[in-house]
PDB file of N, CA and C in Angstrom:
ATOM      1  N   MET A   1       0.837  -1.192   0.000  1.00  0.00           N
ATOM      2  CA  MET A   1       0.000   0.000   0.000  1.00  0.00           C
ATOM      3  C   MET A   1       0.878   1.250   0.000  1.00  0.00           C
ATOM      4  N   TRP A   2       0.895   1.963  -1.061  1.00  0.00           N
ATOM      5  CA  TRP A   2       1.648   3.197  -1.158  1.00  0.00           C
ATOM      6  C   TRP A   2       0.709   4.371  -0.912  1.00  0.00           C
ATOM      7  N   PRO A   3       1.181   5.398  -0.254  1.00  0.00           N
ATOM      8  CA  PRO A   3       0.318   6.570  -0.037  1.00  0.00           C
ATOM      9  C   PRO A   3       0.000   7.272  -1.359  1.00  0.00           C
ATOM     10  N   GLU A   4      -1.109   7.922  -1.374  1.00  0.00           N
ATOM     11  CA  GLU A   4      -1.505   8.676  -2.567  1.00  0.00           C
ATOM     12  C   GLU A   4      -0.519   9.820  -2.799  1.00  0.00           C
ATOM     13  N   LYS A   5      -0.326  10.198  -4.037  1.00  0.00           N
ATOM     14  CA  LYS A   5       0.612  11.265  -4.366  1.00  0.00           C
ATOM     15  C   LYS A   5       0.213  12.601  -3.749  1.00  0.00           C
ATOM     16  N   ASP A   6      -1.070  12.818  -3.600  1.00  0.00           N
ATOM     17  CA  ASP A   6      -1.541  14.096  -3.068  1.00  0.00           C
ATOM     18  C   ASP A   6      -1.582  14.123  -1.538  1.00  0.00           C
ATOM     19  N   SER A   7      -1.314  12.984  -0.896  1.00  0.00           N
ATOM     20  CA  SER A   7      -1.389  12.961   0.565  1.00  0.00           C
ATOM     21  C   SER A   7      -0.160  13.639   1.168  1.00  0.00           C
ATOM     22  N   GLU A   8      -0.345  14.210   2.341  1.00  0.00           N
ATOM     23  CA  GLU A   8       0.726  14.915   3.025  1.00  0.00           C
ATOM     24  C   GLU A   8       1.673  13.916   3.688  1.00  0.00           C
ATOM     25  N   GLU A   9       2.957  14.261   3.720  1.00  0.00           N
ATOM     26  CA  GLU A   9       3.938  13.390   4.365  1.00  0.00           C
ATOM     27  C   GLU A   9       3.697  13.329   5.864  1.00  0.00           C
ATOM     28  N   PRO A  10       3.917  12.175   6.471  1.00  0.00           N
ATOM     29  CA  PRO A  10       3.821  12.096   7.928  1.00  0.00           C
ATOM     30  C   PRO A  10       4.904  12.964   8.579  1.00  0.00           C
ATOM     31  N   ASP A  11       4.674  13.367   9.815  1.00  0.00           N
ATOM     32  CA  ASP A  11       5.628  14.232  10.521  1.00  0.00           C
ATOM     33  C   ASP A  11       7.008  13.598  10.641  1.00  0.00           C
ATOM     34  N   TRP A  12       7.056  12.269  10.855  1.00  0.00           N
ATOM     35  CA  TRP A  12       8.362  11.636  11.019  1.00  0.00           C
ATOM     36  C   TRP A  12       9.177  11.705   9.726  1.00  0.00           C
ATOM     37  N   VAL A  13       8.513  11.682   8.579  1.00  0.00           N
ATOM     38  CA  VAL A  13       9.226  11.781   7.307  1.00  0.00           C
ATOM     39  C   VAL A  13       9.777  13.195   7.151  1.00  0.00           C
ATOM     40  N   LYS A  14       8.981  14.182   7.492  1.00  0.00           N
ATOM     41  CA  LYS A  14       9.450  15.571   7.431  1.00  0.00           C
ATOM     42  C   LYS A  14      10.657  15.765   8.336  1.00  0.00           C
ATOM     43  N   SER A  15      10.575  15.195   9.538  1.00  0.00           N
ATOM     44  CA  SER A  15      11.678  15.304  10.497  1.00  0.00           C
ATOM     45  C   SER A  15      12.945  14.648   9.958  1.00  0.00           C
ATOM     46  N   GLU A  16      12.819  13.475   9.360  1.00  0.00           N
ATOM     47  CA  GLU A  16      13.981  12.775   8.808  1.00  0.00           C
ATOM     48  C   GLU A  16      14.579  13.545   7.633  1.00  0.00           C
ATOM     49  N   ARG A  17      13.729  14.131   6.795  1.00  0.00           N
ATOM     50  CA  ARG A  17      14.238  14.943   5.678  1.00  0.00           C
ATOM     51  C   ARG A  17      15.019  16.142   6.200  1.00  0.00           C
ATOM     52  N   GLU A  18      14.513  16.768   7.244  1.00  0.00           N
ATOM     53  CA  GLU A  18      15.192  17.920   7.839  1.00  0.00           C
ATOM     54  C   GLU A  18      16.528  17.503   8.451  1.00  0.00           C
ATOM     55  N   GLN A  19      16.535  16.396   9.184  1.00  0.00           N
ATOM     56  CA  GLN A  19      17.777  15.881   9.764  1.00  0.00           C
ATOM     57  C   GLN A  19      18.809  15.611   8.665  1.00  0.00           C
ATOM     58  N   PHE A  20      18.353  14.994   7.588  1.00  0.00           N
ATOM     59  CA  PHE A  20      19.258  14.686   6.484  1.00  0.00           C
ATOM     60  C   PHE A  20      19.850  15.962   5.891  1.00  0.00           C
ATOM     61  N   SER A  21      19.001  16.914   5.578  1.00  0.00           N
ATOM     62  CA  SER A  21      19.494  18.114   4.887  1.00  0.00           C
ATOM     63  C   SER A  21      20.336  19.009   5.794  1.00  0.00           C
ATOM     64  N   LYS A  22      20.026  19.049   7.081  1.00  0.00           N
ATOM     65  CA  LYS A  22      20.766  19.936   7.985  1.00  0.00           C
ATOM     66  C   LYS A  22      22.027  19.301   8.573  1.00  0.00           C
ATOM     67  N   TYR A  23      21.953  18.004   8.899  1.00  0.00           N
ATOM     68  CA  TYR A  23      23.026  17.406   9.686  1.00  0.00           C
ATOM     69  C   TYR A  23      23.744  16.231   9.036  1.00  0.00           C
ATOM     70  N   ARG A  24      23.130  15.534   8.121  1.00  0.00           N
ATOM     71  CA  ARG A  24      23.740  14.323   7.557  1.00  0.00           C
ATOM     72  C   ARG A  24      24.460  14.589   6.231  1.00  0.00           C
ATOM     73  N   ASP A  25      23.804  15.294   5.327  1.00  0.00           N
ATOM     74  CA  ASP A  25      24.368  15.577   4.004  1.00  0.00           C
ATOM     75  C   ASP A  25      25.225  16.841   4.108  1.00  0.00           C
ATOM     76  N   LEU A  26      26.459  16.678   4.575  1.00  0.00           N
ATOM     77  CA  LEU A  26      27.303  17.827   4.896  1.00  0.00           C
ATOM     78  C   LEU A  26      27.708  18.650   3.681  1.00  0.00           C
ATOM     79  N   ASP A  27      27.846  18.011   2.524  1.00  0.00           N
ATOM     80  CA  ASP A  27      28.212  18.766   1.327  1.00  0.00           C
ATOM     81  C   ASP A  27      26.999  19.141   0.476  1.00  0.00           C
ATOM     82  N   HIS A  28      25.796  18.810   0.964  1.00  0.00           N
ATOM     83  CA  HIS A  28      24.521  19.190   0.337  1.00  0.00           C
ATOM     84  C   HIS A  28      24.415  18.763  -1.131  1.00  0.00           C
ATOM     85  N   ASP A  29      24.905  17.549  -1.419  1.00  0.00           N
ATOM     86  CA  ASP A  29      24.778  17.039  -2.780  1.00  0.00           C
ATOM     87  C   ASP A  29      23.590  16.087  -2.940  1.00  0.00           C
ATOM     88  N   GLY A  30      22.828  15.885  -1.858  1.00  0.00           N
ATOM     89  CA  GLY A  30      21.654  15.017  -1.928  1.00  0.00           C
ATOM     90  C   GLY A  30      21.938  13.561  -1.609  1.00  0.00           C
ATOM     91  N   PHE A  31      23.204  13.246  -1.344  1.00  0.00           N
ATOM     92  CA  PHE A  31      23.611  11.877  -1.039  1.00  0.00           C
ATOM     93  C   PHE A  31      24.578  11.890   0.135  1.00  0.00           C
ATOM     94  N   MET A  32      24.666  10.765   0.831  1.00  0.00           N
ATOM     95  CA  MET A  32      25.656  10.637   1.899  1.00  0.00           C
ATOM     96  C   MET A  32      26.823   9.816   1.382  1.00  0.00           C
ATOM     97  N   ASP A  33      28.007  10.425   1.390  1.00  0.00           N
ATOM     98  CA  ASP A  33      29.192   9.680   0.977  1.00  0.00           C
ATOM     99  C   ASP A  33      29.758   8.915   2.179  1.00  0.00           C
ATOM    100  N   ARG A  34      30.844   8.218   1.966  1.00  0.00           N
ATOM    101  CA  ARG A  34      31.431   7.362   3.004  1.00  0.00           C
ATOM    102  C   ARG A  34      31.751   8.142   4.287  1.00  0.00           C
ATOM    103  N   ASP A  35      32.356   9.315   4.156  1.00  0.00           N
ATOM    104  CA  ASP A  35      32.717  10.107   5.333  1.00  0.00           C
ATOM    105  C   ASP A  35      31.476  10.593   6.090  1.00  0.00           C
ATOM    106  N   GLU A  36      30.442  10.984   5.372  1.00  0.00           N
ATOM    107  CA  GLU A  36      29.206  11.436   6.018  1.00  0.00           C
ATOM    108  C   GLU A  36      28.531  10.291   6.770  1.00  0.00           C
ATOM    109  N   VAL A  37      28.541   9.107   6.187  1.00  0.00           N
ATOM    110  CA  VAL A  37      27.965   7.940   6.867  1.00  0.00           C
ATOM    111  C   VAL A  37      28.778   7.615   8.111  1.00  0.00           C
ATOM    112  N   GLN A  38      30.106   7.671   8.003  1.00  0.00           N
ATOM    113  CA  GLN A  38      30.978   7.389   9.150  1.00  0.00           C
ATOM    114  C   GLN A  38      30.698   8.368  10.290  1.00  0.00           C
ATOM    115  N   GLN A  39      30.545   9.638   9.983  1.00  0.00           N
ATOM    116  CA  GLN A  39      30.257  10.630  11.019  1.00  0.00           C
ATOM    117  C   GLN A  39      28.878  10.428  11.627  1.00  0.00           C
ATOM    118  N   TRP A  40      27.945   9.931  10.853  1.00  0.00           N
ATOM    119  CA  TRP A  40      26.600   9.658  11.360  1.00  0.00           C
ATOM    120  C   TRP A  40      26.625   8.458  12.309  1.00  0.00           C
ATOM    121  N   ILE A  41      27.315   7.393  11.912  1.00  0.00           N
ATOM    122  CA  ILE A  41      27.358   6.178  12.717  1.00  0.00           C
ATOM    123  C   ILE A  41      28.208   6.367  13.970  1.00  0.00           C
ATOM    124  N   SER A  42      29.330   7.029  13.827  1.00  0.00           N
ATOM    125  CA  SER A  42      30.257   7.205  14.949  1.00  0.00           C
ATOM    126  C   SER A  42      30.729   8.656  14.999  1.00  0.00           C
ATOM    127  N   PRO A  43      29.902   9.550  15.556  1.00  0.00           N
ATOM    128  CA  PRO A  43      30.278  10.962  15.589  1.00  0.00           C
ATOM    129  C   PRO A  43      31.560  11.186  16.396  1.00  0.00           C
ATOM    130  N   PRO A  44      32.435  12.049  15.917  1.00  0.00           N
ATOM    131  CA  PRO A  44      33.716  12.266  16.602  1.00  0.00           C
ATOM    132  C   PRO A  44      33.566  12.890  17.991  1.00  0.00           C
ATOM    133  N   TYR A  45      32.489  13.582  18.248  1.00  0.00           N
ATOM    134  CA  TYR A  45      32.289  14.258  19.523  1.00  0.00           C
ATOM    135  C   TYR A  45      31.564  13.396  20.555  1.00  0.00           C
ATOM    136  N   TYR A  46      31.188  12.179  20.215  1.00  0.00           N
ATOM    137  CA  TYR A  46      30.410  11.313  21.099  1.00  0.00           C
ATOM    138  C   TYR A  46      31.334  10.358  21.846  1.00  0.00           C
ATOM    139  N   ASP A  47      31.279  10.380  23.170  1.00  0.00           N
ATOM    140  CA  ASP A  47      32.108   9.506  24.000  1.00  0.00           C
ATOM    141  C   ASP A  47      31.304   8.255  24.345  1.00  0.00           C
ATOM    142  N   GLN A  48      31.493   7.195  23.581  1.00  0.00           N
ATOM    143  CA  GLN A  48      30.728   5.964  23.730  1.00  0.00           C
ATOM    144  C   GLN A  48      30.909   5.345  25.122  1.00  0.00           C
ATOM    145  N   MET A  49      32.136   5.312  25.620  1.00  0.00           N
ATOM    146  CA  MET A  49      32.388   4.693  26.926  1.00  0.00           C
ATOM    147  C   MET A  49      31.697   5.461  28.053  1.00  0.00           C
ATOM    148  N   ASN A  50      31.759   6.777  28.003  1.00  0.00           N
ATOM    149  CA  ASN A  50      31.103   7.593  29.020  1.00  0.00           C
ATOM    150  C   ASN A  50      29.590   7.413  28.972  1.00  0.00           C
ATOM    151  N   ALA A  51      29.024   7.397  27.770  1.00  0.00           N
ATOM    152  CA  ALA A  51      27.575   7.216  27.622  1.00  0.00           C
ATOM    153  C   ALA A  51      27.142   5.846  28.153  1.00  0.00           C
ATOM    154  N   GLU A  52      27.911   4.813  27.860  1.00  0.00           N
ATOM    155  CA  GLU A  52      27.569   3.473  28.340  1.00  0.00           C
ATOM    156  C   GLU A  52      27.682   3.389  29.857  1.00  0.00           C
ATOM    157  N   ALA A  53      28.708   4.008  30.437  1.00  0.00           N
ATOM    158  CA  ALA A  53      28.866   4.009  31.894  1.00  0.00           C
ATOM    159  C   ALA A  53      27.678   4.702  32.564  1.00  0.00           C
ATOM    160  N   LYS A  54      27.269   5.845  32.027  1.00  0.00           N
ATOM    161  CA  LYS A  54      26.106   6.552  32.581  1.00  0.00           C
ATOM    162  C   LYS A  54      24.844   5.716  32.443  1.00  0.00           C
ATOM    163  N   HIS A  55      24.681   5.059  31.298  1.00  0.00           N
ATOM    164  CA  HIS A  55      23.522   4.199  31.071  1.00  0.00           C
ATOM    165  C   HIS A  55      23.488   3.059  32.082  1.00  0.00           C
ATOM    166  N   LEU A  56      24.624   2.411  32.303  1.00  0.00           N
ATOM    167  CA  LEU A  56      24.683   1.292  33.246  1.00  0.00           C
ATOM    168  C   LEU A  56      24.390   1.765  34.673  1.00  0.00           C
ATOM    169  N   MET A  57      24.915   2.905  35.055  1.00  0.00           N
ATOM    170  CA  MET A  57      24.658   3.439  36.401  1.00  0.00           C
ATOM    171  C   MET A  57      23.174   3.765  36.561  1.00  0.00           C
ATOM    172  N   PHE A  58      22.575   4.359  35.545  1.00  0.00           N
ATOM    173  CA  PHE A  58      21.151   4.684  35.610  1.00  0.00           C
ATOM    174  C   PHE A  58      20.310   3.422  35.737  1.00  0.00           C
ATOM    175  N   GLU A  59      20.602   2.428  34.937  1.00  0.00           N
ATOM    176  CA  GLU A  59      19.832   1.187  34.954  1.00  0.00           C
ATOM    177  C   GLU A  59      20.015   0.406  36.251  1.00  0.00           C
ATOM    178  N   SER A  60      21.166   0.539  36.876  1.00  0.00           N
ATOM    179  CA  SER A  60      21.403  -0.226  38.109  1.00  0.00           C
ATOM    180  C   SER A  60      20.871   0.489  39.350  1.00  0.00           C
ATOM    181  N   ASP A  61      20.491   1.747  39.219  1.00  0.00           N
ATOM    182  CA  ASP A  61      19.968   2.511  40.353  1.00  0.00           C
ATOM    183  C   ASP A  61      18.517   2.113  40.598  1.00  0.00           C
ATOM    184  N   ALA A  62      18.287   1.357  41.660  1.00  0.00           N
ATOM    185  CA  ALA A  62      16.973   0.780  41.921  1.00  0.00           C
ATOM    186  C   ALA A  62      15.874   1.835  42.121  1.00  0.00           C
ATOM    187  N   ASP A  63      16.176   2.913  42.849  1.00  0.00           N
ATOM    188  CA  ASP A  63      15.138   3.901  43.128  1.00  0.00           C
ATOM    189  C   ASP A  63      15.225   5.124  42.201  1.00  0.00           C
ATOM    190  N   LYS A  64      16.155   5.111  41.263  1.00  0.00           N
ATOM    191  CA  LYS A  64      16.312   6.164  40.240  1.00  0.00           C
ATOM    192  C   LYS A  64      16.446   7.562  40.833  1.00  0.00           C
ATOM    193  N   VAL A  65      17.123   7.663  41.976  1.00  0.00           N
ATOM    194  CA  VAL A  65      17.335   8.968  42.603  1.00  0.00           C
ATOM    195  C   VAL A  65      18.702   9.497  42.250  1.00  0.00           C
TER     196      VAL A  65
END
């Protein structure tokens, strides 16, 4: 079942298009090249170990205080 051509896009599609054009397609050529995909999957500013440690501490906190 494909949506009708005249139907409006769902909000999540609009949001994904905006994310792509503003943050993913860095050279604005309409496509993501290898470097753009790499930055999307593993952003240089994201500390994976710190995020995982915080996640584990949050999940292990029984009363979430």
